[in-house]
Each structure stands twice: as C-alpha cells, then as structure tokens.
Amino acid sequence: MKRQTNVNIDAPANRRYTVVLEQEPDGGYSVHVPALPGCASQGDTLEEALANIRGAAELYLWSLMDDGLPAPKGHGHVVVREIALEA
C-alpha cells in the first residue's frame, strides 16, 4: 500500500518547500520536492528520507545561488487523487 505525505522543510534563507513521500513496495520511501525539478532522494524510514531530502534541497538551492539564479518561491502545488481503472 502506498502512502503519500506532505511535509514542509526549511531550506537556505528560511525557505519552506512541500515534499512528497511515497512508500516503496520493497520497503523504504522515495521523496521529491515538486517546486525543485529533479530534486529527489530516498530513505529506509520516513525520518531518513526527510533528512536526505533536506540535504538534497539545500544543495539544490546552494547550487542555484552559486550560479546566480533565483530560488523558486512557494511550496509547489500538490494535488493527490485516487483514480479507478477498469481492467
């Protein structure tokens, strides 16, 4: 069973971003930041996944700053819906 959770995390300059965690069928969690394209990580537990994505997001933002690019604003809009499929 997959479980998705949104959690806000602090990033450089006190920015906050929404992260999406998804439980993997073989164990652990994958996690990504919708507002930061390509920023993703994983962990064996929710706590580890959150720690890993926090580090990944901070590096992502530092990289943007080093390149003179602005950090994305906002949390990123995430909508989760369940759909039914006919087999």
Foldseek 3Di string as FASTA:
>chain_A
DWDWDWDWDAEPPRAIATKIWIADPVAWIKIATQQQPPQIDIDRDPVRRVVVSRVSRNVSCVVCVVVVHDRGHDHHDDDDDDDDDDD
